[in-house]
N, C-alpha and C. Protein backbone atom coordinates (compact mmCIF):
# COMPACT_ATOMS: atom_id res chain seq x y z
N ALA A 1 119.03 25.56 135.43
CA ALA A 1 120.11 24.38 135.14
C ALA A 1 119.65 24.02 133.58
N GLY A 2 118.30 23.89 133.57
CA GLY A 2 117.64 23.42 132.18
C GLY A 2 118.21 24.57 131.15
N GLN A 3 118.08 25.88 131.49
CA GLN A 3 118.57 26.94 130.80
C GLN A 3 119.69 26.60 129.81
N THR A 4 120.47 26.25 131.01
CA THR A 4 122.09 26.29 130.69
C THR A 4 122.31 25.21 129.90
N ILE A 5 121.51 23.74 129.98
CA ILE A 5 121.91 22.53 129.30
C ILE A 5 121.35 23.08 127.84
N VAL A 6 120.27 23.63 127.93
CA VAL A 6 119.62 23.77 126.73
C VAL A 6 120.76 25.01 125.79
N ALA A 7 121.12 25.80 126.13
CA ALA A 7 122.15 26.78 125.62
C ALA A 7 123.43 26.12 125.14
N GLY A 8 123.79 24.85 125.81
CA GLY A 8 124.95 24.27 125.90
C GLY A 8 124.75 23.36 124.64
N ALA A 9 123.80 22.94 124.54
CA ALA A 9 123.44 21.62 123.16
C ALA A 9 123.35 22.30 122.28
N LEU A 10 122.60 23.79 122.21
CA LEU A 10 122.46 24.51 120.88
C LEU A 10 123.96 25.12 120.57
N ALA A 11 124.82 25.33 121.46
CA ALA A 11 126.07 25.88 121.13
C ALA A 11 126.83 24.63 120.41
N ASP A 12 126.73 23.35 120.88
CA ASP A 12 127.56 22.29 120.23
C ASP A 12 126.93 22.10 119.35
N TRP A 13 125.55 22.07 118.78
CA TRP A 13 125.02 21.93 117.79
C TRP A 13 125.58 22.80 116.67
N LYS A 14 125.72 24.16 117.09
CA LYS A 14 126.34 25.24 116.11
C LYS A 14 127.57 24.84 115.73
N ALA A 15 128.63 24.34 116.69
CA ALA A 15 129.89 24.13 116.51
C ALA A 15 129.91 22.79 115.64
N THR A 16 129.14 21.76 115.87
CA THR A 16 129.70 20.55 115.12
C THR A 16 128.52 20.13 114.18
N ARG A 17 127.47 20.73 114.18
CA ARG A 17 126.18 20.52 113.14
C ARG A 17 125.62 18.94 113.14
N ASN A 18 125.81 18.48 114.43
CA ASN A 18 125.45 17.14 114.87
C ASN A 18 124.15 17.27 115.68
N SER A 19 123.29 16.53 114.81
CA SER A 19 121.95 16.85 115.43
C SER A 19 121.31 16.15 116.55
N ARG A 20 122.34 15.11 117.24
CA ARG A 20 121.89 14.87 118.41
C ARG A 20 121.89 15.90 119.67
N TYR A 21 122.43 16.91 119.39
CA TYR A 21 122.44 18.11 120.19
C TYR A 21 121.23 18.96 119.94
N LEU A 22 120.67 18.83 118.83
CA LEU A 22 119.53 19.47 118.74
C LEU A 22 118.31 18.75 119.60
N ARG A 23 118.36 17.22 119.43
CA ARG A 23 117.34 16.35 119.92
C ARG A 23 117.59 16.63 121.67
N LYS A 24 118.81 16.79 122.06
CA LYS A 24 119.14 17.11 123.51
C LYS A 24 118.29 18.23 124.14
N ALA A 25 118.75 19.42 123.01
CA ALA A 25 117.86 20.75 123.51
C ALA A 25 116.56 20.59 123.59
N ARG A 26 115.78 19.68 122.69
CA ARG A 26 114.37 19.92 122.69
C ARG A 26 113.87 18.68 123.73
N GLY A 27 114.65 17.56 124.05
CA GLY A 27 114.65 16.92 125.25
C GLY A 27 114.49 17.42 126.54
N VAL A 28 115.63 17.90 126.58
CA VAL A 28 115.75 18.74 127.93
C VAL A 28 114.50 19.75 127.95
N THR A 29 114.16 20.50 126.98
CA THR A 29 113.37 21.65 127.05
C THR A 29 111.94 21.13 127.43
N ILE A 30 111.54 19.68 126.93
CA ILE A 30 110.09 19.40 127.27
C ILE A 30 110.07 18.40 128.61
N ARG A 31 110.95 17.98 129.09
CA ARG A 31 111.53 17.26 130.49
C ARG A 31 111.58 18.26 131.39
N VAL A 32 112.03 19.46 131.26
CA VAL A 32 111.68 20.72 132.29
C VAL A 32 110.65 21.10 132.45
N MET A 33 109.77 21.38 131.07
CA MET A 33 108.35 21.85 130.91
C MET A 33 107.50 20.85 131.64
N PHE A 34 107.94 19.51 131.59
CA PHE A 34 106.95 18.44 132.47
C PHE A 34 107.29 18.76 133.83
N LEU A 35 108.58 18.58 134.52
CA LEU A 35 108.98 18.83 135.57
C LEU A 35 108.36 19.98 136.10
N CYS A 36 108.49 20.98 135.74
CA CYS A 36 108.04 22.46 136.30
C CYS A 36 106.36 22.50 136.22
N LEU A 37 105.89 21.85 135.21
CA LEU A 37 104.41 21.94 135.28
C LEU A 37 103.90 20.86 136.42
N SER A 38 104.19 19.87 136.49
CA SER A 38 104.04 18.88 137.49
C SER A 38 104.19 19.75 138.95
N LEU A 39 105.28 20.22 139.40
CA LEU A 39 105.52 20.83 140.56
C LEU A 39 104.39 22.26 140.64
N ALA A 40 104.26 22.85 139.22
CA ALA A 40 103.44 23.59 139.77
C ALA A 40 101.83 23.14 139.73
N LEU A 41 101.77 21.93 139.33
CA LEU A 41 100.15 21.29 139.45
C LEU A 41 100.04 21.13 140.76
N PHE A 42 101.29 20.36 141.71
CA PHE A 42 101.29 20.08 142.91
C PHE A 42 101.04 21.06 143.83
N GLY A 43 101.77 22.22 143.51
CA GLY A 43 101.72 23.34 144.41
C GLY A 43 100.27 24.00 144.34
N ALA A 44 99.62 23.96 143.11
CA ALA A 44 98.57 24.73 142.89
C ALA A 44 97.39 23.80 143.74
N ASN A 45 97.70 22.29 143.67
CA ASN A 45 96.70 21.63 144.74
C ASN A 45 97.03 21.74 146.08
N VAL A 46 98.22 21.91 146.45
CA VAL A 46 98.27 22.45 147.96
C VAL A 46 97.68 23.33 148.34
N VAL A 47 97.83 24.71 147.50
CA VAL A 47 97.16 25.88 147.80
C VAL A 47 95.71 25.78 148.03
N TYR A 48 95.08 25.16 146.71
CA TYR A 48 93.41 25.02 146.78
C TYR A 48 93.02 24.37 147.70
N TRP A 49 93.49 22.94 147.92
CA TRP A 49 93.05 22.42 149.25
C TRP A 49 93.47 22.64 150.41
N GLY A 50 94.38 23.50 150.92
CA GLY A 50 94.97 23.81 152.11
C GLY A 50 94.75 25.49 152.38
N LYS A 51 93.59 26.07 151.11
CA LYS A 51 93.41 27.33 151.63
C LYS A 51 93.09 27.72 152.69
N ASP A 52 92.13 26.77 153.61
CA ASP A 52 91.58 27.17 154.79
C ASP A 52 92.35 27.55 155.82
N SER A 53 93.48 26.08 155.74
CA SER A 53 94.74 26.43 156.86
C SER A 53 95.62 27.76 156.74
N ILE A 54 96.03 27.78 155.48
CA ILE A 54 96.81 28.72 154.88
C ILE A 54 96.26 30.27 155.40
N ALA A 55 94.84 30.52 155.19
CA ALA A 55 94.15 31.69 155.57
C ALA A 55 94.20 31.90 157.20
N GLY A 56 94.26 30.60 157.81
CA GLY A 56 94.03 30.78 159.17
C GLY A 56 95.41 30.86 159.53
N LEU A 57 96.63 30.44 159.07
CA LEU A 57 97.77 31.09 159.61
C LEU A 57 98.04 32.52 159.36
N MET A 58 97.62 32.81 158.22
CA MET A 58 97.75 34.46 157.83
C MET A 58 97.36 35.29 159.04
N THR A 59 96.03 34.99 159.37
CA THR A 59 95.44 36.30 160.22
C THR A 59 94.29 35.28 160.95
N LYS A 60 93.58 36.22 161.99
CA LYS A 60 92.57 35.56 162.90
C LYS A 60 91.17 36.06 162.24
N SER A 61 91.32 37.25 161.72
CA SER A 61 90.07 37.94 160.98
C SER A 61 89.07 37.18 160.00
N GLU A 62 88.23 36.60 160.30
CA GLU A 62 87.17 35.80 159.43
C GLU A 62 87.23 36.32 158.11
N ALA A 63 87.04 37.83 158.14
CA ALA A 63 86.67 38.66 156.98
C ALA A 63 87.91 38.59 156.06
N VAL A 64 89.12 38.63 156.38
CA VAL A 64 90.12 38.79 155.67
C VAL A 64 90.70 37.07 155.19
N GLN A 65 90.22 36.24 156.20
CA GLN A 65 90.44 34.72 155.81
C GLN A 65 89.61 34.58 154.58
N ASP A 66 88.40 34.83 154.58
CA ASP A 66 87.35 34.57 153.47
C ASP A 66 87.79 35.29 152.16
N LEU A 67 88.42 36.38 152.24
CA LEU A 67 88.84 37.22 150.98
C LEU A 67 90.16 36.43 150.72
N ALA A 68 91.00 35.92 151.46
CA ALA A 68 92.14 35.24 151.04
C ALA A 68 91.92 34.05 150.49
N LYS A 69 90.90 33.34 150.98
CA LYS A 69 90.28 31.95 150.41
C LYS A 69 90.30 31.94 149.18
N LEU A 70 89.12 32.90 148.74
CA LEU A 70 88.63 33.29 147.50
C LEU A 70 89.86 33.25 146.32
N GLN A 71 90.59 34.47 146.92
CA GLN A 71 91.98 34.61 146.16
C GLN A 71 92.92 33.20 145.90
N MET A 72 92.92 32.60 146.66
CA MET A 72 93.95 31.46 146.38
C MET A 72 93.34 30.40 145.54
N VAL A 73 92.03 30.24 145.35
CA VAL A 73 91.79 29.66 144.41
C VAL A 73 92.14 30.07 142.95
N VAL A 74 92.16 31.23 142.72
CA VAL A 74 92.53 32.24 141.66
C VAL A 74 93.87 31.60 141.34
N VAL A 75 94.74 32.12 142.55
CA VAL A 75 96.38 31.91 142.38
C VAL A 75 96.67 30.17 142.02
N ALA A 76 95.76 29.45 142.61
CA ALA A 76 95.96 28.05 142.32
C ALA A 76 95.82 27.81 140.67
N LEU A 77 94.70 28.62 139.97
CA LEU A 77 94.72 28.36 138.96
C LEU A 77 95.79 28.80 138.23
N ILE A 78 96.47 29.92 138.52
CA ILE A 78 97.64 30.53 137.78
C ILE A 78 98.92 30.01 138.00
N MET A 79 98.77 29.37 139.06
CA MET A 79 100.40 28.91 138.94
C MET A 79 100.81 27.75 138.02
N PRO A 80 100.13 26.94 137.45
CA PRO A 80 100.42 26.39 136.03
C PRO A 80 100.83 26.96 134.82
N LEU A 81 99.92 28.08 134.83
CA LEU A 81 100.29 29.14 133.76
C LEU A 81 101.65 29.67 134.00
N SER A 82 102.00 30.13 135.33
CA SER A 82 103.25 30.78 135.24
C SER A 82 104.26 29.87 135.30
N ALA A 83 104.20 28.48 135.49
CA ALA A 83 105.32 27.68 135.27
C ALA A 83 105.83 27.43 133.80
N VAL A 84 104.52 27.16 133.15
CA VAL A 84 104.78 27.37 131.43
C VAL A 84 105.60 28.27 131.00
N CYS A 85 105.03 29.29 131.07
CA CYS A 85 105.32 30.76 130.97
C CYS A 85 106.84 30.83 131.08
N ASP A 86 107.34 30.55 132.51
CA ASP A 86 108.96 30.81 132.86
C ASP A 86 109.78 29.92 132.13
N VAL A 87 108.94 28.51 131.99
CA VAL A 87 110.18 27.30 131.21
C VAL A 87 110.21 27.75 129.97
N THR A 88 108.91 27.81 129.19
CA THR A 88 109.33 28.29 127.72
C THR A 88 109.84 29.30 127.43
N GLU A 89 110.01 30.37 127.92
CA GLU A 89 110.76 31.69 127.79
C GLU A 89 111.95 31.64 128.17
N ALA A 90 112.32 30.70 129.35
CA ALA A 90 113.82 30.43 130.01
C ALA A 90 114.66 29.84 128.38
N ALA A 91 113.68 28.58 127.81
CA ALA A 91 114.36 27.94 127.14
C ALA A 91 114.71 28.88 125.70
N PHE A 92 113.99 29.83 125.45
CA PHE A 92 114.01 30.69 124.06
C PHE A 92 114.85 31.76 124.39
N ILE A 93 115.34 32.03 125.69
CA ILE A 93 116.48 32.83 126.06
C ILE A 93 117.74 32.13 125.95
N ALA A 94 117.63 30.82 126.23
CA ALA A 94 118.67 29.72 125.99
C ALA A 94 118.93 29.75 124.38
N ALA A 95 118.11 29.69 123.73
CA ALA A 95 118.06 29.68 122.21
C ALA A 95 118.47 31.07 121.57
N ARG A 96 118.44 32.11 122.42
CA ARG A 96 118.79 33.43 121.87
C ARG A 96 117.49 33.90 121.11
N ASP A 97 116.45 33.61 121.61
CA ASP A 97 115.38 34.01 120.53
C ASP A 97 114.62 35.07 121.25
N TYR A 98 115.58 36.32 121.50
CA TYR A 98 115.00 37.20 122.23
C TYR A 98 113.72 37.87 121.74
N TRP A 99 113.68 38.09 120.39
CA TRP A 99 112.63 38.57 119.75
C TRP A 99 111.15 37.87 120.36
N LEU A 100 111.31 36.69 120.30
CA LEU A 100 109.93 36.17 120.79
C LEU A 100 109.77 36.20 122.00
N VAL A 101 110.58 36.45 122.99
CA VAL A 101 110.34 36.59 124.28
C VAL A 101 109.93 38.15 124.58
N LEU A 102 110.19 38.94 124.08
CA LEU A 102 109.79 40.43 123.59
C LEU A 102 108.35 40.40 123.26
N ARG A 103 107.90 39.64 122.03
CA ARG A 103 107.05 39.82 121.31
C ARG A 103 105.79 39.17 122.47
N GLY A 104 106.00 38.10 122.95
CA GLY A 104 105.38 37.52 124.00
C GLY A 104 105.01 38.56 125.34
N MET A 105 105.97 39.23 125.64
CA MET A 105 106.05 40.17 126.58
C MET A 105 105.15 41.52 126.28
N ILE A 106 105.07 41.79 124.89
CA ILE A 106 104.33 42.92 124.50
C ILE A 106 102.74 42.43 124.32
N LEU A 107 102.67 41.23 123.72
CA LEU A 107 101.49 40.92 123.45
C LEU A 107 100.45 40.56 124.96
N GLY A 108 101.44 40.07 125.81
CA GLY A 108 100.87 39.49 127.30
C GLY A 108 100.43 41.22 127.80
N ALA A 109 101.22 42.11 127.69
CA ALA A 109 101.20 43.32 128.41
C ALA A 109 99.81 44.30 127.78
N VAL A 110 99.70 43.75 126.24
CA VAL A 110 98.54 44.22 126.09
C VAL A 110 97.21 43.66 126.31
N ALA A 111 97.18 42.57 126.44
CA ALA A 111 96.15 41.27 127.18
C ALA A 111 96.08 41.87 128.60
N LEU A 112 97.10 42.40 129.14
CA LEU A 112 96.77 42.54 130.66
C LEU A 112 96.09 43.90 130.89
N VAL A 113 96.46 44.87 129.94
CA VAL A 113 95.74 46.16 130.14
C VAL A 113 94.25 46.16 129.54
N THR A 114 93.87 45.46 128.78
CA THR A 114 92.83 45.07 128.17
C THR A 114 92.09 44.47 129.27
N ALA A 115 92.67 43.09 129.90
CA ALA A 115 91.81 42.79 130.93
C ALA A 115 91.36 43.58 132.24
N LEU A 116 92.57 44.60 132.52
CA LEU A 116 92.51 45.54 133.58
C LEU A 116 91.05 46.58 133.34
N ILE A 117 90.97 46.64 131.87
CA ILE A 117 89.98 47.63 131.71
C ILE A 117 88.59 46.72 131.36
N VAL A 118 88.48 45.81 130.99
CA VAL A 118 87.13 44.89 131.13
C VAL A 118 86.82 44.64 132.45
N GLY A 119 87.59 44.21 133.37
CA GLY A 119 87.39 43.85 134.75
C GLY A 119 87.04 44.79 135.43
N THR A 120 87.57 46.29 135.02
CA THR A 120 87.03 47.38 135.72
C THR A 120 85.52 47.72 135.19
N GLU A 121 85.48 47.67 133.66
CA GLU A 121 84.42 47.60 133.30
C GLU A 121 83.19 46.96 134.16
N TYR A 122 83.42 45.81 134.24
CA TYR A 122 82.46 44.67 134.63
C TYR A 122 82.38 45.02 136.37
N GLN A 123 83.27 45.74 136.90
CA GLN A 123 83.13 45.84 138.22
C GLN A 123 83.87 44.58 139.11
N LEU A 124 84.67 43.79 138.72
CA LEU A 124 85.14 42.47 139.15
C LEU A 124 85.97 42.74 140.40
N GLY A 125 86.17 43.96 140.84
CA GLY A 125 86.96 44.32 142.14
C GLY A 125 88.47 43.53 142.08
N ILE A 126 88.82 42.93 143.00
CA ILE A 126 90.20 42.61 143.15
C ILE A 126 90.54 41.57 142.22
N TYR A 127 89.55 40.77 141.68
CA TYR A 127 89.68 39.54 140.75
C TYR A 127 90.03 40.27 139.29
N THR A 128 89.92 41.53 139.29
CA THR A 128 90.57 42.39 137.84
C THR A 128 92.12 41.88 138.07
N MET A 129 92.59 42.01 139.10
CA MET A 129 94.35 41.69 139.09
C MET A 129 94.53 40.44 138.75
N TRP A 130 93.66 39.35 139.56
CA TRP A 130 94.34 38.24 139.32
C TRP A 130 93.79 37.71 137.93
N VAL A 131 92.52 38.16 137.31
CA VAL A 131 92.36 38.13 136.02
C VAL A 131 93.25 38.34 135.03
N ALA A 132 93.82 39.39 135.06
CA ALA A 132 94.87 40.49 134.45
C ALA A 132 96.12 39.41 134.06
N ILE A 133 96.51 39.21 135.50
CA ILE A 133 97.73 38.65 135.44
C ILE A 133 97.78 37.05 134.99
N GLY A 134 96.60 36.42 135.10
CA GLY A 134 96.44 35.20 134.45
C GLY A 134 96.47 35.51 132.89
N THR A 135 96.01 36.54 132.55
CA THR A 135 95.68 36.75 131.01
C THR A 135 97.10 37.17 130.76
N LEU A 136 97.99 37.72 130.95
CA LEU A 136 99.26 37.82 130.70
C LEU A 136 100.15 36.52 130.52
N LEU A 137 100.05 35.94 131.60
CA LEU A 137 100.71 34.65 131.76
C LEU A 137 100.39 33.59 130.71
N ALA A 138 99.04 33.48 130.23
CA ALA A 138 98.59 33.07 129.34
C ALA A 138 98.96 33.16 127.75
N VAL A 139 99.05 34.50 127.56
CA VAL A 139 99.19 34.96 126.28
C VAL A 139 100.59 34.71 126.12
N ARG A 140 101.40 35.00 127.13
CA ARG A 140 102.84 35.00 126.87
C ARG A 140 103.24 33.22 126.94
N SER A 141 102.56 32.58 127.56
CA SER A 141 102.75 30.93 127.40
C SER A 141 102.18 30.46 126.00
N PHE A 142 101.27 31.01 125.46
CA PHE A 142 100.83 30.52 124.08
C PHE A 142 101.66 30.73 123.38
N THR A 143 102.40 32.21 123.37
CA THR A 143 103.02 32.75 122.24
C THR A 143 104.39 31.99 122.22
N SER A 144 104.81 31.53 123.36
CA SER A 144 105.93 30.52 123.32
C SER A 144 105.81 29.10 122.91
N LEU A 145 104.49 28.66 123.57
CA LEU A 145 104.55 27.21 123.09
C LEU A 145 104.00 27.27 121.74
N LEU A 146 103.39 28.05 120.76
CA LEU A 146 103.17 27.98 119.47
C LEU A 146 104.36 28.42 118.65
N ARG A 147 105.29 29.07 119.00
CA ARG A 147 106.65 28.98 118.62
C ARG A 147 107.38 27.49 118.55
N PHE A 148 107.21 27.18 119.91
CA PHE A 148 108.21 25.77 120.10
C PHE A 148 107.42 24.76 119.46
N ASN A 149 106.45 24.68 118.91
CA ASN A 149 105.76 23.70 118.24
C ASN A 149 105.69 23.90 116.79
N SER A 150 106.49 24.94 116.27
CA SER A 150 106.73 25.43 114.86
C SER A 150 107.87 24.96 114.21
N ASP A 151 108.01 24.90 112.95
CA ASP A 151 109.04 24.88 112.27
C ASP A 151 109.89 26.11 112.54
N LYS A 152 109.62 27.12 113.11
CA LYS A 152 110.37 28.56 112.84
C LYS A 152 110.86 28.46 114.21
N SER A 153 110.90 27.33 115.13
CA SER A 153 111.26 27.38 116.58
C SER A 153 112.99 27.49 116.32
N ARG A 154 113.63 27.99 117.08
CA ARG A 154 115.21 27.90 117.24
C ARG A 154 115.51 26.61 118.24
N ILE A 155 114.33 25.91 118.76
CA ILE A 155 114.65 24.60 119.23
C ILE A 155 113.79 23.93 118.34
N PRO A 156 114.34 23.13 117.25
CA PRO A 156 113.45 22.41 116.52
C PRO A 156 112.69 21.53 116.57
N THR A 157 111.91 21.13 116.19
CA THR A 157 110.86 20.04 116.18
C THR A 157 111.50 18.75 115.77
N LEU A 158 111.12 17.76 116.28
CA LEU A 158 112.00 16.48 115.71
C LEU A 158 111.53 16.30 114.40
N ARG A 159 110.36 16.75 113.53
CA ARG A 159 109.97 16.86 112.43
C ARG A 159 111.47 17.76 111.37
N LYS A 160 111.52 18.76 112.13
CA LYS A 160 112.35 19.64 111.36
C LYS A 160 113.98 19.00 111.74
N ILE A 161 114.18 18.27 112.90
CA ILE A 161 115.38 17.78 112.91
C ILE A 161 115.49 16.55 112.13
N ARG A 162 114.49 15.81 111.85
CA ARG A 162 114.71 14.64 110.89
C ARG A 162 114.95 15.12 109.44
N ALA A 163 114.01 16.18 109.16
CA ALA A 163 114.26 16.60 107.74
C ALA A 163 116.08 16.93 107.61
N GLY A 164 116.33 17.72 108.52
CA GLY A 164 117.80 18.17 108.32
C GLY A 164 118.64 16.85 108.14
N GLU A 165 118.64 15.72 109.05
CA GLU A 165 119.24 14.80 108.99
C GLU A 165 119.16 13.88 107.48
N LYS A 166 118.05 14.16 106.97
CA LYS A 166 117.72 13.41 105.93
C LYS A 166 118.56 14.33 104.73
N LYS A 167 118.48 15.29 104.71
CA LYS A 167 119.22 16.11 103.59
C LYS A 167 120.72 16.38 103.71
N GLN A 168 121.27 15.92 105.22
CA GLN A 168 122.87 15.92 105.25
C GLN A 168 122.84 14.26 104.71
N LEU A 169 122.10 13.56 104.88
CA LEU A 169 122.63 12.12 104.25
C LEU A 169 122.60 11.96 102.78
N GLU A 170 121.33 12.84 102.18
CA GLU A 170 121.57 12.75 100.85
C GLU A 170 122.70 13.51 100.20
N LYS A 171 123.41 14.52 100.76
CA LYS A 171 124.16 15.30 100.64
C LYS A 171 125.55 14.56 100.62
N LEU A 172 125.47 13.68 101.94
CA LEU A 172 126.84 12.82 101.52
C LEU A 172 126.69 11.58 100.46
N ALA A 173 125.75 11.00 100.30
CA ALA A 173 125.31 10.05 99.23
C ALA A 173 125.66 10.54 98.09
N LEU A 174 125.21 12.07 97.53
CA LEU A 174 125.74 12.61 96.74
C LEU A 174 127.50 12.59 96.44
N GLU A 175 128.05 13.09 97.30
CA GLU A 175 129.28 13.15 97.32
C GLU A 175 130.21 11.79 97.43
N GLY A 176 129.46 10.67 97.35
CA GLY A 176 130.13 9.40 97.91
C GLY A 176 130.98 9.46 98.88
N LYS A 177 130.32 9.89 100.12
CA LYS A 177 130.95 9.77 101.25
C LYS A 177 130.23 8.96 102.31
N GLY A 178 129.23 8.38 101.90
CA GLY A 178 128.51 7.67 103.00
C GLY A 178 127.92 8.23 103.84
N ALA A 179 127.25 7.32 105.00
CA ALA A 179 126.82 8.05 106.03
C ALA A 179 127.90 8.52 107.27
N PRO A 180 127.61 9.75 107.77
CA PRO A 180 128.37 10.14 108.82
C PRO A 180 128.64 9.32 110.30
N ALA A 181 129.49 9.30 110.67
CA ALA A 181 130.24 8.42 111.86
C ALA A 181 129.41 9.09 113.01
């Protein structure tokens, strides 16, 4: 739903050049990020603190339960990264910034392969996979957040929105038309 609202707000801005739509797109993106991150942190806590119960539901084998419990700690750490990655990339897909999403995926894939090689070299076993997935998500999230907070973002920062509004007002003042309605 957030992705659709952001896409709609950006389309409305393109049609009207009214900056309130840019503010709406950015505001919705930030609220959806907060909501998803909050839910992911809640889920991570449920997984972390419930790992004994969850593992017990999965199997009666203590050896398998012990391995599952160890992995659930890593899964709990990865959940917030996954949420941030999904939300930021969805926002940029709504903004039609496909190159950014592709760049994040490519950089993430390179980081994933590097983590797999390093994990294998250091004999991290099954943790190699989890570290690699966490690295993939971290790189993709970092790439998207870096762009989201830059002046090159297709979901402009408030600083850039304000600068655009100021230019628009100056242009209208020069034309003698006054402030827009």
